[in-house]
PDB file of all heavy atoms in Angstrom:
ATOM      1  N   ARG A   1       0.851  -1.195   0.000  1.00  0.00           N
ATOM      2  CA  ARG A   1       0.000   0.000   0.000  1.00  0.00           C
ATOM      3  C   ARG A   1       0.884   1.241   0.000  1.00  0.00           C
ATOM      4  O   ARG A   1       2.037   1.195   0.420  1.00  0.00           O
ATOM      5  CB  ARG A   1      -0.922  -0.010   1.221  1.00  0.00           C
ATOM      6  CG  ARG A   1      -1.859  -1.216   1.281  1.00  0.00           C
ATOM      7  CD  ARG A   1      -2.582  -1.283   2.619  1.00  0.00           C
ATOM      8  NE  ARG A   1      -3.507  -2.396   2.687  1.00  0.00           N
ATOM      9  CZ  ARG A   1      -3.177  -3.642   3.036  1.00  0.00           C
ATOM     10  NH1 ARG A   1      -1.919  -3.913   3.341  1.00  0.00           N
ATOM     11  NH2 ARG A   1      -4.082  -4.590   3.077  1.00  0.00           N
ATOM     12  N   LYS A   2       0.305   2.367  -0.450  1.00  0.00           N
ATOM     13  CA  LYS A   2       1.038   3.625  -0.515  1.00  0.00           C
ATOM     14  C   LYS A   2       0.174   4.734   0.078  1.00  0.00           C
ATOM     15  O   LYS A   2      -1.052   4.693   0.003  1.00  0.00           O
ATOM     16  CB  LYS A   2       1.402   3.968  -1.966  1.00  0.00           C
ATOM     17  CG  LYS A   2       2.178   2.888  -2.694  1.00  0.00           C
ATOM     18  CD  LYS A   2       2.404   3.240  -4.154  1.00  0.00           C
ATOM     19  CE  LYS A   2       3.082   2.102  -4.912  1.00  0.00           C
ATOM     20  NZ  LYS A   2       3.281   2.431  -6.352  1.00  0.00           N
ATOM     21  N   LYS A   3       0.830   5.733   0.665  1.00  0.00           N
ATOM     22  CA  LYS A   3       0.099   6.884   1.184  1.00  0.00           C
ATOM     23  C   LYS A   3       1.000   8.114   1.145  1.00  0.00           C
ATOM     24  O   LYS A   3       2.231   8.003   1.069  1.00  0.00           O
ATOM     25  CB  LYS A   3      -0.397   6.616   2.608  1.00  0.00           C
ATOM     26  CG  LYS A   3       0.695   6.395   3.620  1.00  0.00           C
ATOM     27  CD  LYS A   3       0.140   6.111   5.023  1.00  0.00           C
ATOM     28  CE  LYS A   3      -0.473   7.333   5.636  1.00  0.00           C
ATOM     29  NZ  LYS A   3      -0.822   7.128   7.070  1.00  0.00           N
ATOM     30  N   ASP A   4       0.365   9.284   1.208  1.00  0.00           N
ATOM     31  CA  ASP A   4       1.122  10.533   1.221  1.00  0.00           C
ATOM     32  C   ASP A   4       1.896  10.651   2.526  1.00  0.00           C
ATOM     33  O   ASP A   4       1.477  10.149   3.575  1.00  0.00           O
ATOM     34  CB  ASP A   4       0.181  11.725   1.072  1.00  0.00           C
ATOM     35  CG  ASP A   4      -0.553  11.703  -0.273  1.00  0.00           C
ATOM     36  OD1 ASP A   4      -0.159  10.901  -1.139  1.00  0.00           O
ATOM     37  OD2 ASP A   4      -1.519  12.479  -0.438  1.00  0.00           O
ATOM     38  N   CYS A   5       3.034  11.324   2.461  1.00  0.00           N
ATOM     39  CA  CYS A   5       3.893  11.447   3.641  1.00  0.00           C
ATOM     40  C   CYS A   5       4.619  12.782   3.591  1.00  0.00           C
ATOM     41  O   CYS A   5       5.245  13.114   2.569  1.00  0.00           O
ATOM     42  CB  CYS A   5       4.888  10.291   3.673  1.00  0.00           C
ATOM     43  SG  CYS A   5       6.134  10.415   4.963  1.00  0.00           S
ATOM     44  N   ASP A   6       4.518  13.540   4.672  1.00  0.00           N
ATOM     45  CA  ASP A   6       5.235  14.810   4.807  1.00  0.00           C
ATOM     46  C   ASP A   6       5.008  15.730   3.609  1.00  0.00           C
ATOM     47  O   ASP A   6       5.928  16.404   3.121  1.00  0.00           O
ATOM     48  CB  ASP A   6       6.743  14.569   4.993  1.00  0.00           C
ATOM     49  CG  ASP A   6       7.042  13.778   6.251  1.00  0.00           C
ATOM     50  OD1 ASP A   6       6.231  13.825   7.196  1.00  0.00           O
ATOM     51  OD2 ASP A   6       8.097  13.111   6.286  1.00  0.00           O
ATOM     52  N   GLY A   7       3.786  15.733   3.118  1.00  0.00           N
ATOM     53  CA  GLY A   7       3.437  16.604   2.014  1.00  0.00           C
ATOM     54  C   GLY A   7       3.769  16.071   0.643  1.00  0.00           C
ATOM     55  O   GLY A   7       3.553  16.760  -0.367  1.00  0.00           O
ATOM     56  N   HIS A   8       4.268  14.861   0.556  1.00  0.00           N
ATOM     57  CA  HIS A   8       4.625  14.258  -0.734  1.00  0.00           C
ATOM     58  C   HIS A   8       3.671  13.103  -1.025  1.00  0.00           C
ATOM     59  O   HIS A   8       3.359  12.308  -0.140  1.00  0.00           O
ATOM     60  CB  HIS A   8       6.059  13.747  -0.717  1.00  0.00           C
ATOM     61  CG  HIS A   8       7.083  14.805  -0.434  1.00  0.00           C
ATOM     62  ND1 HIS A   8       7.515  15.706  -1.383  1.00  0.00           N
ATOM     63  CD2 HIS A   8       7.746  15.115   0.706  1.00  0.00           C
ATOM     64  CE1 HIS A   8       8.413  16.513  -0.848  1.00  0.00           C
ATOM     65  NE2 HIS A   8       8.571  16.172   0.421  1.00  0.00           N
ATOM     66  N   LYS A   9       3.251  12.988  -2.258  1.00  0.00           N
ATOM     67  CA  LYS A   9       2.293  11.967  -2.646  1.00  0.00           C
ATOM     68  C   LYS A   9       2.963  10.601  -2.727  1.00  0.00           C
ATOM     69  O   LYS A   9       4.011  10.437  -3.360  1.00  0.00           O
ATOM     70  CB  LYS A   9       1.645  12.324  -3.990  1.00  0.00           C
ATOM     71  CG  LYS A   9       0.576  11.323  -4.445  1.00  0.00           C
ATOM     72  CD  LYS A   9      -0.107  11.773  -5.716  1.00  0.00           C
ATOM     73  CE  LYS A   9      -1.127  10.753  -6.195  1.00  0.00           C
ATOM     74  NZ  LYS A   9      -2.153  10.472  -5.171  1.00  0.00           N
ATOM     75  N   ASP A  10       2.318   9.618  -2.103  1.00  0.00           N
ATOM     76  CA  ASP A  10       2.758   8.219  -2.166  1.00  0.00           C
ATOM     77  C   ASP A  10       4.217   8.038  -1.740  1.00  0.00           C
ATOM     78  O   ASP A  10       4.943   7.213  -2.292  1.00  0.00           O
ATOM     79  CB  ASP A  10       2.560   7.649  -3.574  1.00  0.00           C
ATOM     80  CG  ASP A  10       1.101   7.491  -3.941  1.00  0.00           C
ATOM     81  OD1 ASP A  10       0.266   7.475  -3.018  1.00  0.00           O
ATOM     82  OD2 ASP A  10       0.796   7.393  -5.151  1.00  0.00           O
ATOM     83  N   TYR A  11       4.667   8.792  -0.737  1.00  0.00           N
ATOM     84  CA  TYR A  11       6.053   8.687  -0.302  1.00  0.00           C
ATOM     85  C   TYR A  11       6.238   7.651   0.803  1.00  0.00           C
ATOM     86  O   TYR A  11       7.347   7.381   1.206  1.00  0.00           O
ATOM     87  CB  TYR A  11       6.571  10.052   0.152  1.00  0.00           C
ATOM     88  CG  TYR A  11       7.398  10.737  -0.917  1.00  0.00           C
ATOM     89  CD1 TYR A  11       6.990  10.743  -2.246  1.00  0.00           C
ATOM     90  CD2 TYR A  11       8.609  11.350  -0.605  1.00  0.00           C
ATOM     91  CE1 TYR A  11       7.740  11.354  -3.229  1.00  0.00           C
ATOM     92  CE2 TYR A  11       9.375  11.970  -1.578  1.00  0.00           C
ATOM     93  CZ  TYR A  11       8.929  11.968  -2.897  1.00  0.00           C
ATOM     94  OH  TYR A  11       9.687  12.571  -3.872  1.00  0.00           O
ATOM     95  N   GLU A  12       5.146   7.086   1.288  1.00  0.00           N
ATOM     96  CA  GLU A  12       5.240   5.990   2.252  1.00  0.00           C
ATOM     97  C   GLU A  12       4.716   4.714   1.611  1.00  0.00           C
ATOM     98  O   GLU A  12       3.611   4.675   1.079  1.00  0.00           O
ATOM     99  CB  GLU A  12       4.424   6.283   3.513  1.00  0.00           C
ATOM    100  CG  GLU A  12       4.435   5.108   4.504  1.00  0.00           C
ATOM    101  CD  GLU A  12       3.523   5.321   5.702  1.00  0.00           C
ATOM    102  OE1 GLU A  12       3.050   6.457   5.906  1.00  0.00           O
ATOM    103  OE2 GLU A  12       3.262   4.337   6.431  1.00  0.00           O
ATOM    104  N   TYR A  13       5.553   3.663   1.632  1.00  0.00           N
ATOM    105  CA  TYR A  13       5.119   2.336   1.224  1.00  0.00           C
ATOM    106  C   TYR A  13       4.955   1.522   2.515  1.00  0.00           C
ATOM    107  O   TYR A  13       5.833   1.556   3.387  1.00  0.00           O
ATOM    108  CB  TYR A  13       6.155   1.648   0.339  1.00  0.00           C
ATOM    109  CG  TYR A  13       6.241   2.154  -1.080  1.00  0.00           C
ATOM    110  CD1 TYR A  13       5.681   3.367  -1.459  1.00  0.00           C
ATOM    111  CD2 TYR A  13       6.896   1.407  -2.063  1.00  0.00           C
ATOM    112  CE1 TYR A  13       5.767   3.830  -2.765  1.00  0.00           C
ATOM    113  CE2 TYR A  13       6.995   1.859  -3.370  1.00  0.00           C
ATOM    114  CZ  TYR A  13       6.433   3.069  -3.716  1.00  0.00           C
ATOM    115  OH  TYR A  13       6.520   3.526  -5.007  1.00  0.00           O
ATOM    116  N   TYR A  14       3.865   0.786   2.622  1.00  0.00           N
ATOM    117  CA  TYR A  14       3.672   0.022   3.848  1.00  0.00           C
ATOM    118  C   TYR A  14       2.881  -1.248   3.573  1.00  0.00           C
ATOM    119  O   TYR A  14       2.254  -1.412   2.508  1.00  0.00           O
ATOM    120  CB  TYR A  14       2.970   0.866   4.918  1.00  0.00           C
ATOM    121  CG  TYR A  14       1.537   1.237   4.625  1.00  0.00           C
ATOM    122  CD1 TYR A  14       0.479   0.527   5.193  1.00  0.00           C
ATOM    123  CD2 TYR A  14       1.225   2.311   3.790  1.00  0.00           C
ATOM    124  CE1 TYR A  14      -0.842   0.864   4.941  1.00  0.00           C
ATOM    125  CE2 TYR A  14      -0.090   2.664   3.518  1.00  0.00           C
ATOM    126  CZ  TYR A  14      -1.115   1.946   4.101  1.00  0.00           C
ATOM    127  OH  TYR A  14      -2.422   2.284   3.835  1.00  0.00           O
ATOM    128  N   MET A  15       2.918  -2.136   4.557  1.00  0.00           N
ATOM    129  CA  MET A  15       2.200  -3.399   4.475  1.00  0.00           C
ATOM    130  C   MET A  15       1.693  -3.729   5.874  1.00  0.00           C
ATOM    131  O   MET A  15       2.404  -3.566   6.866  1.00  0.00           O
ATOM    132  CB  MET A  15       3.116  -4.510   3.960  1.00  0.00           C
ATOM    133  CG  MET A  15       2.388  -5.730   3.433  1.00  0.00           C
ATOM    134  SD  MET A  15       3.533  -6.915   2.630  1.00  0.00           S
ATOM    135  CE  MET A  15       3.967  -6.013   1.125  1.00  0.00           C
ATOM    136  N   HIS A  16       0.449  -4.171   5.962  1.00  0.00           N
ATOM    137  CA  HIS A  16      -0.118  -4.545   7.252  1.00  0.00           C
ATOM    138  C   HIS A  16       0.551  -5.824   7.770  1.00  0.00           C
ATOM    139  O   HIS A  16       0.919  -6.707   6.989  1.00  0.00           O
ATOM    140  CB  HIS A  16      -1.627  -4.766   7.133  1.00  0.00           C
ATOM    141  CG  HIS A  16      -2.407  -3.490   7.010  1.00  0.00           C
ATOM    142  ND1 HIS A  16      -2.285  -2.452   7.907  1.00  0.00           N
ATOM    143  CD2 HIS A  16      -3.322  -3.087   6.095  1.00  0.00           C
ATOM    144  CE1 HIS A  16      -3.093  -1.465   7.550  1.00  0.00           C
ATOM    145  NE2 HIS A  16      -3.719  -1.825   6.448  1.00  0.00           N
ATOM    146  N   LEU A  17       0.670  -5.894   9.093  1.00  0.00           N
ATOM    147  CA  LEU A  17       1.244  -7.066   9.754  1.00  0.00           C
ATOM    148  C   LEU A  17       0.158  -7.768  10.558  1.00  0.00           C
ATOM    149  O   LEU A  17      -0.397  -7.198  11.507  1.00  0.00           O
ATOM    150  CB  LEU A  17       2.394  -6.663  10.675  1.00  0.00           C
ATOM    151  CG  LEU A  17       3.586  -5.966   9.999  1.00  0.00           C
ATOM    152  CD1 LEU A  17       4.639  -5.583  11.037  1.00  0.00           C
ATOM    153  CD2 LEU A  17       4.203  -6.846   8.915  1.00  0.00           C
ATOM    154  N   ASP A  18      -0.153  -8.988  10.176  1.00  0.00           N
ATOM    155  CA  ASP A  18      -1.147  -9.787  10.894  1.00  0.00           C
ATOM    156  C   ASP A  18      -0.503 -10.429  12.122  1.00  0.00           C
ATOM    157  O   ASP A  18       0.727 -10.501  12.248  1.00  0.00           O
ATOM    158  CB  ASP A  18      -1.722 -10.868   9.980  1.00  0.00           C
ATOM    159  CG  ASP A  18      -2.441 -10.275   8.765  1.00  0.00           C
ATOM    160  OD1 ASP A  18      -3.036  -9.189   8.918  1.00  0.00           O
ATOM    161  OD2 ASP A  18      -2.410 -10.897   7.692  1.00  0.00           O
ATOM    162  N   ASN A  19      -1.350 -10.934  13.025  1.00  0.00           N
ATOM    163  CA  ASN A  19      -0.873 -11.588  14.261  1.00  0.00           C
ATOM    164  C   ASN A  19       0.159 -10.703  14.969  1.00  0.00           C
ATOM    165  O   ASN A  19       1.208 -11.175  15.441  1.00  0.00           O
ATOM    166  CB  ASN A  19      -0.271 -12.961  13.953  1.00  0.00           C
ATOM    167  CG  ASN A  19      -1.273 -13.895  13.314  1.00  0.00           C
ATOM    168  OD1 ASN A  19      -2.479 -13.790  13.527  1.00  0.00           O
ATOM    169  ND2 ASN A  19      -0.786 -14.813  12.504  1.00  0.00           N
ATOM    170  N   PHE A  20      -0.149  -9.429  15.027  1.00  0.00           N
ATOM    171  CA  PHE A  20       0.806  -8.430  15.519  1.00  0.00           C
ATOM    172  C   PHE A  20       1.031  -8.580  17.021  1.00  0.00           C
ATOM    173  O   PHE A  20       0.079  -8.715  17.796  1.00  0.00           O
ATOM    174  CB  PHE A  20       0.272  -7.030  15.207  1.00  0.00           C
ATOM    175  CG  PHE A  20       1.305  -5.943  15.285  1.00  0.00           C
ATOM    176  CD1 PHE A  20       2.272  -5.818  14.308  1.00  0.00           C
ATOM    177  CD2 PHE A  20       1.302  -5.039  16.340  1.00  0.00           C
ATOM    178  CE1 PHE A  20       3.222  -4.804  14.363  1.00  0.00           C
ATOM    179  CE2 PHE A  20       2.249  -4.031  16.413  1.00  0.00           C
ATOM    180  CZ  PHE A  20       3.207  -3.911  15.419  1.00  0.00           C
ATOM    181  N   VAL A  21       2.302  -8.573  17.420  1.00  0.00           N
ATOM    182  CA  VAL A  21       2.675  -8.709  18.830  1.00  0.00           C
ATOM    183  C   VAL A  21       3.557  -7.527  19.218  1.00  0.00           C
ATOM    184  O   VAL A  21       4.598  -7.288  18.581  1.00  0.00           O
ATOM    185  CB  VAL A  21       3.443 -10.023  19.087  1.00  0.00           C
ATOM    186  CG1 VAL A  21       3.906 -10.102  20.549  1.00  0.00           C
ATOM    187  CG2 VAL A  21       2.577 -11.224  18.736  1.00  0.00           C
ATOM    188  N   VAL A  22       3.139  -6.773  20.231  1.00  0.00           N
ATOM    189  CA  VAL A  22       3.968  -5.705  20.791  1.00  0.00           C
ATOM    190  C   VAL A  22       4.653  -6.237  22.038  1.00  0.00           C
ATOM    191  O   VAL A  22       3.998  -6.772  22.935  1.00  0.00           O
ATOM    192  CB  VAL A  22       3.117  -4.460  21.135  1.00  0.00           C
ATOM    193  CG1 VAL A  22       4.006  -3.374  21.758  1.00  0.00           C
ATOM    194  CG2 VAL A  22       2.428  -3.928  19.883  1.00  0.00           C
ATOM    195  N   LEU A  23       5.966  -6.127  22.105  1.00  0.00           N
ATOM    196  CA  LEU A  23       6.713  -6.665  23.224  1.00  0.00           C
ATOM    197  C   LEU A  23       6.519  -5.793  24.463  1.00  0.00           C
ATOM    198  O   LEU A  23       6.523  -4.561  24.378  1.00  0.00           O
ATOM    199  CB  LEU A  23       8.207  -6.736  22.895  1.00  0.00           C
ATOM    200  CG  LEU A  23       8.689  -7.966  22.119  1.00  0.00           C
ATOM    201  CD1 LEU A  23       8.012  -8.075  20.758  1.00  0.00           C
ATOM    202  CD2 LEU A  23      10.199  -7.931  21.955  1.00  0.00           C
ATOM    203  N   GLU A  24       6.329  -6.441  25.587  1.00  0.00           N
ATOM    204  CA  GLU A  24       6.231  -5.700  26.834  1.00  0.00           C
ATOM    205  C   GLU A  24       7.552  -5.018  27.165  1.00  0.00           C
ATOM    206  O   GLU A  24       7.576  -3.931  27.731  1.00  0.00           O
ATOM    207  CB  GLU A  24       5.827  -6.640  27.978  1.00  0.00           C
ATOM    208  CG  GLU A  24       4.421  -7.206  27.840  1.00  0.00           C
ATOM    209  CD  GLU A  24       4.046  -8.077  29.025  1.00  0.00           C
ATOM    210  OE1 GLU A  24       4.849  -8.145  29.992  1.00  0.00           O
ATOM    211  OE2 GLU A  24       2.966  -8.684  28.993  1.00  0.00           O
ATOM    212  N   GLN A  25       8.642  -5.666  26.798  1.00  0.00           N
ATOM    213  CA  GLN A  25       9.965  -5.081  26.983  1.00  0.00           C
ATOM    214  C   GLN A  25      10.749  -5.283  25.694  1.00  0.00           C
ATOM    215  O   GLN A  25      10.834  -6.394  25.172  1.00  0.00           O
ATOM    216  CB  GLN A  25      10.691  -5.744  28.153  1.00  0.00           C
ATOM    217  CG  GLN A  25      12.076  -5.179  28.423  1.00  0.00           C
ATOM    218  CD  GLN A  25      12.745  -5.821  29.623  1.00  0.00           C
ATOM    219  OE1 GLN A  25      12.107  -6.567  30.361  1.00  0.00           O
ATOM    220  NE2 GLN A  25      14.021  -5.547  29.821  1.00  0.00           N
ATOM    221  N   SER A  26      11.311  -4.200  25.166  1.00  0.00           N
ATOM    222  CA  SER A  26      12.048  -4.291  23.908  1.00  0.00           C
ATOM    223  C   SER A  26      13.216  -5.263  24.031  1.00  0.00           C
ATOM    224  O   SER A  26      13.842  -5.376  25.093  1.00  0.00           O
ATOM    225  CB  SER A  26      12.567  -2.912  23.498  1.00  0.00           C
ATOM    226  OG  SER A  26      11.508  -2.000  23.334  1.00  0.00           O
ATOM    227  N   LEU A  27      13.503  -5.948  22.937  1.00  0.00           N
ATOM    228  CA  LEU A  27      14.640  -6.866  22.894  1.00  0.00           C
ATOM    229  C   LEU A  27      15.824  -6.103  22.327  1.00  0.00           C
ATOM    230  O   LEU A  27      15.869  -5.801  21.135  1.00  0.00           O
ATOM    231  CB  LEU A  27      14.318  -8.085  22.036  1.00  0.00           C
ATOM    232  CG  LEU A  27      15.332  -9.231  22.071  1.00  0.00           C
ATOM    233  CD1 LEU A  27      15.326  -9.889  23.442  1.00  0.00           C
ATOM    234  CD2 LEU A  27      15.038 -10.264  20.999  1.00  0.00           C
ATOM    235  N   SER A  28      16.785  -5.768  23.152  1.00  0.00           N
ATOM    236  CA  SER A  28      17.905  -4.917  22.754  1.00  0.00           C
ATOM    237  C   SER A  28      18.835  -5.627  21.777  1.00  0.00           C
ATOM    238  O   SER A  28      18.810  -6.856  21.644  1.00  0.00           O
ATOM    239  CB  SER A  28      18.699  -4.484  23.984  1.00  0.00           C
ATOM    240  OG  SER A  28      19.335  -5.611  24.576  1.00  0.00           O
ATOM    241  N   ALA A  29      19.687  -4.839  21.127  1.00  0.00           N
ATOM    242  CA  ALA A  29      20.658  -5.402  20.194  1.00  0.00           C
ATOM    243  C   ALA A  29      21.605  -6.361  20.905  1.00  0.00           C
ATOM    244  O   ALA A  29      21.953  -7.422  20.370  1.00  0.00           O
ATOM    245  CB  ALA A  29      21.438  -4.279  19.514  1.00  0.00           C
ATOM    246  N   SER A  30      22.021  -5.998  22.105  1.00  0.00           N
ATOM    247  CA  SER A  30      22.928  -6.878  22.853  1.00  0.00           C
ATOM    248  C   SER A  30      22.244  -8.185  23.240  1.00  0.00           C
ATOM    249  O   SER A  30      22.862  -9.259  23.216  1.00  0.00           O
ATOM    250  CB  SER A  30      23.446  -6.165  24.101  1.00  0.00           C
ATOM    251  OG  SER A  30      22.381  -5.794  24.958  1.00  0.00           O
ATOM    252  N   LYS A  31      20.954  -8.108  23.593  1.00  0.00           N
ATOM    253  CA  LYS A  31      20.220  -9.317  23.939  1.00  0.00           C
ATOM    254  C   LYS A  31      20.011 -10.189  22.705  1.00  0.00           C
ATOM    255  O   LYS A  31      20.089 -11.431  22.789  1.00  0.00           O
ATOM    256  CB  LYS A  31      18.867  -8.950  24.551  1.00  0.00           C
ATOM    257  CG  LYS A  31      18.079 -10.145  25.064  1.00  0.00           C
ATOM    258  CD  LYS A  31      18.785 -10.859  26.207  1.00  0.00           C
ATOM    259  CE  LYS A  31      17.947 -11.998  26.772  1.00  0.00           C
ATOM    260  NZ  LYS A  31      18.641 -12.708  27.852  1.00  0.00           N
ATOM    261  N   MET A  32      19.761  -9.563  21.541  1.00  0.00           N
ATOM    262  CA  MET A  32      19.627 -10.327  20.303  1.00  0.00           C
ATOM    263  C   MET A  32      20.909 -11.085  19.996  1.00  0.00           C
ATOM    264  O   MET A  32      20.875 -12.233  19.556  1.00  0.00           O
ATOM    265  CB  MET A  32      19.268  -9.392  19.146  1.00  0.00           C
ATOM    266  CG  MET A  32      17.870  -8.804  19.217  1.00  0.00           C
ATOM    267  SD  MET A  32      17.601  -7.557  17.938  1.00  0.00           S
ATOM    268  CE  MET A  32      17.823  -8.541  16.458  1.00  0.00           C
ATOM    269  N   LYS A  33      22.041 -10.430  20.240  1.00  0.00           N
ATOM    270  CA  LYS A  33      23.329 -11.085  20.004  1.00  0.00           C
ATOM    271  C   LYS A  33      23.500 -12.265  20.947  1.00  0.00           C
ATOM    272  O   LYS A  33      23.989 -13.333  20.557  1.00  0.00           O
ATOM    273  CB  LYS A  33      24.461 -10.075  20.192  1.00  0.00           C
ATOM    274  CG  LYS A  33      25.841 -10.646  19.910  1.00  0.00           C
ATOM    275  CD  LYS A  33      26.917  -9.580  20.023  1.00  0.00           C
ATOM    276  CE  LYS A  33      28.284 -10.159  19.701  1.00  0.00           C
ATOM    277  NZ  LYS A  33      29.351  -9.117  19.786  1.00  0.00           N
ATOM    278  N   GLU A  34      23.074 -12.082  22.194  1.00  0.00           N
ATOM    279  CA  GLU A  34      23.166 -13.166  23.175  1.00  0.00           C
ATOM    280  C   GLU A  34      22.274 -14.336  22.784  1.00  0.00           C
ATOM    281  O   GLU A  34      22.674 -15.507  22.884  1.00  0.00           O
ATOM    282  CB  GLU A  34      22.760 -12.631  24.550  1.00  0.00           C
ATOM    283  CG  GLU A  34      22.751 -13.680  25.655  1.00  0.00           C
ATOM    284  CD  GLU A  34      22.216 -13.143  26.962  1.00  0.00           C
ATOM    285  OE1 GLU A  34      22.367 -11.927  27.207  1.00  0.00           O
ATOM    286  OE2 GLU A  34      21.624 -13.927  27.733  1.00  0.00           O
ATOM    287  N   VAL A  35      21.076 -14.036  22.309  1.00  0.00           N
ATOM    288  CA  VAL A  35      20.096 -15.073  21.976  1.00  0.00           C
ATOM    289  C   VAL A  35      20.509 -15.854  20.734  1.00  0.00           C
ATOM    290  O   VAL A  35      20.386 -17.083  20.683  1.00  0.00           O
ATOM    291  CB  VAL A  35      18.702 -14.440  21.776  1.00  0.00           C
ATOM    292  CG1 VAL A  35      17.727 -15.440  21.163  1.00  0.00           C
ATOM    293  CG2 VAL A  35      18.172 -13.924  23.107  1.00  0.00           C
ATOM    294  N   THR A  36      20.991 -15.145  19.706  1.00  0.00           N
ATOM    295  CA  THR A  36      21.296 -15.790  18.423  1.00  0.00           C
ATOM    296  C   THR A  36      22.736 -16.242  18.299  1.00  0.00           C
ATOM    297  O   THR A  36      23.062 -17.091  17.464  1.00  0.00           O
ATOM    298  CB  THR A  36      20.974 -14.853  17.254  1.00  0.00           C
ATOM    299  OG1 THR A  36      21.815 -13.683  17.342  1.00  0.00           O
ATOM    300  CG2 THR A  36      19.515 -14.418  17.291  1.00  0.00           C
ATOM    301  N   GLY A  37      23.614 -15.643  19.107  1.00  0.00           N
ATOM    302  CA  GLY A  37      25.020 -16.024  19.038  1.00  0.00           C
ATOM    303  C   GLY A  37      25.853 -15.171  18.115  1.00  0.00           C
ATOM    304  O   GLY A  37      27.044 -15.431  17.916  1.00  0.00           O
ATOM    305  N   HIS A  38      25.265 -14.127  17.521  1.00  0.00           N
ATOM    306  CA  HIS A  38      26.032 -13.221  16.655  1.00  0.00           C
ATOM    307  C   HIS A  38      25.309 -11.880  16.551  1.00  0.00           C
ATOM    308  O   HIS A  38      24.134 -11.756  16.877  1.00  0.00           O
ATOM    309  CB  HIS A  38      26.249 -13.821  15.264  1.00  0.00           C
ATOM    310  CG  HIS A  38      24.980 -14.149  14.547  1.00  0.00           C
ATOM    311  ND1 HIS A  38      24.301 -13.239  13.781  1.00  0.00           N
ATOM    312  CD2 HIS A  38      24.249 -15.293  14.505  1.00  0.00           C
ATOM    313  CE1 HIS A  38      23.213 -13.814  13.281  1.00  0.00           C
ATOM    314  NE2 HIS A  38      23.156 -15.062  13.716  1.00  0.00           N
ATOM    315  N   GLY A  39      26.056 -10.865  16.087  1.00  0.00           N
ATOM    316  CA  GLY A  39      25.497  -9.524  15.982  1.00  0.00           C
ATOM    317  C   GLY A  39      24.850  -9.267  14.635  1.00  0.00           C
ATOM    318  O   GLY A  39      24.928 -10.075  13.709  1.00  0.00           O
ATOM    319  N   PHE A  40      24.199  -8.099  14.513  1.00  0.00           N
ATOM    320  CA  PHE A  40      23.514  -7.704  13.284  1.00  0.00           C
ATOM    321  C   PHE A  40      23.912  -6.281  12.920  1.00  0.00           C
ATOM    322  O   PHE A  40      24.334  -5.495  13.771  1.00  0.00           O
ATOM    323  CB  PHE A  40      21.990  -7.779  13.466  1.00  0.00           C
ATOM    324  CG  PHE A  40      21.478  -9.142  13.829  1.00  0.00           C
ATOM    325  CD1 PHE A  40      21.279  -9.497  15.151  1.00  0.00           C
ATOM    326  CD2 PHE A  40      21.208 -10.074  12.843  1.00  0.00           C
ATOM    327  CE1 PHE A  40      20.815 -10.752  15.497  1.00  0.00           C
ATOM    328  CE2 PHE A  40      20.748 -11.341  13.171  1.00  0.00           C
ATOM    329  CZ  PHE A  40      20.556 -11.683  14.498  1.00  0.00           C
ATOM    330  N   ASN A  41      23.769  -5.952  11.643  1.00  0.00           N
ATOM    331  CA  ASN A  41      24.077  -4.617  11.150  1.00  0.00           C
ATOM    332  C   ASN A  41      22.787  -3.792  11.100  1.00  0.00           C
ATOM    333  O   ASN A  41      22.023  -3.870  10.148  1.00  0.00           O
ATOM    334  CB  ASN A  41      24.710  -4.699   9.759  1.00  0.00           C
ATOM    335  CG  ASN A  41      25.079  -3.334   9.208  1.00  0.00           C
ATOM    336  OD1 ASN A  41      24.993  -2.319   9.911  1.00  0.00           O
ATOM    337  ND2 ASN A  41      25.492  -3.290   7.960  1.00  0.00           N
ATOM    338  N   PHE A  42      22.547  -3.003  12.130  1.00  0.00           N
ATOM    339  CA  PHE A  42      21.295  -2.261  12.237  1.00  0.00           C
ATOM    340  C   PHE A  42      21.326  -0.937  11.489  1.00  0.00           C
ATOM    341  O   PHE A  42      20.363  -0.179  11.537  1.00  0.00           O
ATOM    342  CB  PHE A  42      20.965  -2.008  13.710  1.00  0.00           C
ATOM    343  CG  PHE A  42      20.663  -3.265  14.478  1.00  0.00           C
ATOM    344  CD1 PHE A  42      21.601  -3.799  15.338  1.00  0.00           C
ATOM    345  CD2 PHE A  42      19.455  -3.919  14.317  1.00  0.00           C
ATOM    346  CE1 PHE A  42      21.332  -4.967  16.038  1.00  0.00           C
ATOM    347  CE2 PHE A  42      19.177  -5.085  15.014  1.00  0.00           C
ATOM    348  CZ  PHE A  42      20.122  -5.606  15.873  1.00  0.00           C
ATOM    349  N   ARG A  43      22.408  -0.636  10.804  1.00  0.00           N
ATOM    350  CA  ARG A  43      22.479   0.617  10.063  1.00  0.00           C
ATOM    351  C   ARG A  43      21.621   0.575   8.802  1.00  0.00           C
ATOM    352  O   ARG A  43      21.319   1.597   8.212  1.00  0.00           O
ATOM    353  CB  ARG A  43      23.930   0.929   9.700  1.00  0.00           C
ATOM    354  CG  ARG A  43      24.786   1.314  10.909  1.00  0.00           C
ATOM    355  CD  ARG A  43      26.241   1.452  10.525  1.00  0.00           C
ATOM    356  NE  ARG A  43      26.812   0.169  10.147  1.00  0.00           N
ATOM    357  CZ  ARG A  43      28.076   0.002   9.780  1.00  0.00           C
ATOM    358  NH1 ARG A  43      28.890   1.040   9.744  1.00  0.00           N
ATOM    359  NH2 ARG A  43      28.541  -1.190   9.462  1.00  0.00           N
TER     360      ARG A  43
END
């Protein structure tokens, strides 16, 4: 789907997420590394 953004037409592309889960506590980058055994490039 597309919608206007910051005064520009169709500048946001998005997709709905089903079975949506909001975490009670965010999973930090360091915790993700601990859980998976390696780091990620979040840039």
